[in-house]
Protein backbone atom coordinates (compact mmCIF):
# COMPACT_ATOMS: atom_id res chain seq x y z
CA MET A 1 99.36 33.89 3.88
CA TRP A 2 96.79 33.84 1.14
CA VAL A 3 93.05 32.69 2.52
CA GLU A 4 90.46 31.43 0.14
CA ALA A 5 87.05 34.47 -0.04
CA GLY A 6 84.97 32.09 -2.02
CA THR A 7 84.15 32.25 -6.13
CA THR A 8 83.58 35.43 -8.16
CA ALA A 9 79.68 33.89 -8.46
CA GLU A 10 79.48 33.82 -4.52
CA LEU A 11 80.39 37.06 -3.57
CA ALA A 12 78.79 38.82 -6.76
CA LYS A 13 75.53 37.20 -5.34
CA ALA A 14 76.05 37.67 -1.46
CA ARG A 15 78.22 41.45 -2.33
CA LYS A 16 80.03 40.77 1.49
CA LYS A 17 81.77 38.11 3.05
CA VAL A 18 83.76 38.05 6.54
CA VAL A 19 86.66 36.03 6.53
CA ARG A 20 89.63 35.21 8.94
CA VAL A 21 92.94 36.23 7.87
CA GLY A 22 95.54 35.24 10.20
CA GLU A 23 94.12 36.92 13.61
CA ASP A 24 92.06 39.23 11.53
CA ASP A 25 88.63 39.61 10.82
CA VAL A 26 88.36 40.76 7.08
CA VAL A 27 85.38 41.68 5.08
CA VAL A 28 85.30 41.33 1.49
CA TRP A 29 82.75 43.10 -0.39
CA TRP A 30 82.34 43.00 -4.74
CA HIS A 31 81.12 46.13 -5.91
CA ASP A 32 81.02 46.63 -10.28
CA GLY A 33 83.02 43.41 -10.77
CA ALA A 34 85.76 43.49 -8.41
CA PRO A 35 86.64 42.51 -4.58
CA TYR A 36 87.71 44.57 -1.65
CA ALA A 37 88.97 44.02 1.50
CA PHE A 38 88.81 45.69 4.85
CA ALA A 39 89.44 45.20 8.44
CA ASN A 40 85.81 44.51 9.77
CA VAL A 41 86.17 46.82 12.59
CA CYS A 42 85.95 50.39 11.71
CA ILE A 43 88.80 52.79 13.18
CA HIS A 44 86.75 54.92 13.95
CA LYS A 45 84.21 53.50 16.79
CA GLY A 46 85.34 49.40 16.29
CA ARG A 47 81.69 48.73 14.64
CA GLU A 48 81.98 45.85 12.00
CA LEU A 49 81.89 47.52 8.30
CA VAL A 50 80.11 44.34 6.84
CA GLY A 51 77.22 46.17 8.10
CA GLY A 52 77.86 48.88 6.23
CA VAL A 53 76.86 49.70 2.51
CA ILE A 54 78.87 50.96 -0.54
CA LEU A 55 78.31 54.27 -1.66
CA ASN A 56 79.29 56.30 -4.37
CA GLY A 57 82.85 54.16 -4.62
CA ARG A 58 83.36 54.60 -0.40
CA LEU A 59 82.44 52.04 2.07
CA VAL A 60 80.36 53.57 4.72
CA CYS A 61 80.77 52.68 8.36
CA PRO A 62 76.89 51.72 9.87
CA GLY A 63 77.83 53.36 13.47
CA HIS A 64 78.39 56.97 12.28
CA GLN A 65 79.04 57.09 8.53
CA TRP A 66 82.80 57.65 8.23
CA ALA A 67 83.36 56.50 4.17
CA TYR A 68 86.37 54.66 3.22
CA GLU A 69 87.56 54.56 -0.19
CA LEU A 70 87.46 51.16 -1.58
CA GLY A 71 90.78 50.82 -3.12
CA THR A 72 92.61 52.84 -0.52
CA GLY A 73 90.69 52.74 2.48
CA TYR A 74 91.37 56.57 3.10
CA CYS A 75 88.39 58.59 4.72
CA ARG A 76 89.01 62.14 3.41
CA GLU A 77 86.54 63.92 5.69
CA ARG A 78 88.89 62.61 8.28
CA ASP A 79 92.18 62.33 7.16
CA ARG A 80 92.66 58.75 8.05
CA CYS A 81 92.65 55.67 6.80
CA GLN A 82 91.10 52.19 7.27
CA PRO A 83 93.48 49.25 7.14
CA VAL A 84 93.16 47.16 3.23
CA PHE A 85 93.76 43.89 2.32
CA PRO A 86 95.17 42.89 -0.75
CA VAL A 87 93.20 41.05 -3.19
CA ARG A 88 93.39 38.58 -5.81
CA VAL A 89 91.24 36.68 -8.24
CA GLU A 90 92.81 33.38 -9.59
CA GLY A 91 90.43 31.71 -12.28
CA ASP A 92 87.24 32.59 -10.42
CA ILE A 93 88.51 32.25 -6.60
CA VAL A 94 88.88 35.39 -4.79
CA TYR A 95 91.44 35.09 -2.37
CA VAL A 96 92.39 37.83 0.39
CA GLY A 97 96.35 38.23 1.51
CA GLY A 98 97.62 38.73 5.12
CA GLY A 99 100.89 38.16 7.05
CA ALA A 100 104.16 37.35 5.04
CA ASP A 101 103.48 37.64 1.57
CA GLY A 102 100.18 39.79 1.89
CA ASP A 103 100.59 42.61 4.41
CA VAL A 104 97.82 45.02 4.57
CA HIS A 105 98.16 48.21 3.01
CA LEU A 106 98.16 51.19 4.49
CA PRO A 107 98.96 54.03 2.38
CA ASP A 108 101.39 56.33 2.22
CA GLU A 109 100.16 58.43 -0.25
CA VAL A 110 96.53 59.05 -1.10
CA ASP A 111 94.90 61.92 -2.84
CA ARG A 112 93.65 64.20 0.14
CA SER A 113 92.01 66.41 -2.63
CA GLY A 114 88.38 64.57 -2.46
CA ALA A 115 88.96 64.69 -6.77
CA PRO A 116 87.53 61.40 -7.96
CA ALA A 117 90.75 58.71 -8.41
CA ASP A 118 89.94 59.04 -12.23
CA ALA A 119 89.80 62.29 -12.76
């Protein structure tokens, strides 16, 4: 299932938006010209990630500052992953996937070295 999150212009202006994908509340963040989608409830203490900030390419939870990498949801300090959702842009519309044809992504392998992904 793919759900429309809004236009690229809307997300660029708002920077973040919560959408419902099946049974999940998903926060879609716009950062450096691209969308990223996370389960809105932090795996640590259940805080809403829509209240967080993006810092150094990571989404920082407003509760206890767990920081999740944008592409993978990986928190290297805790060696845990926040669920992320697939996103796609068609024209100027951003879609978030979940369910039968857009499963939630929990990475099997992540770079645990702490080095930037492009290094």
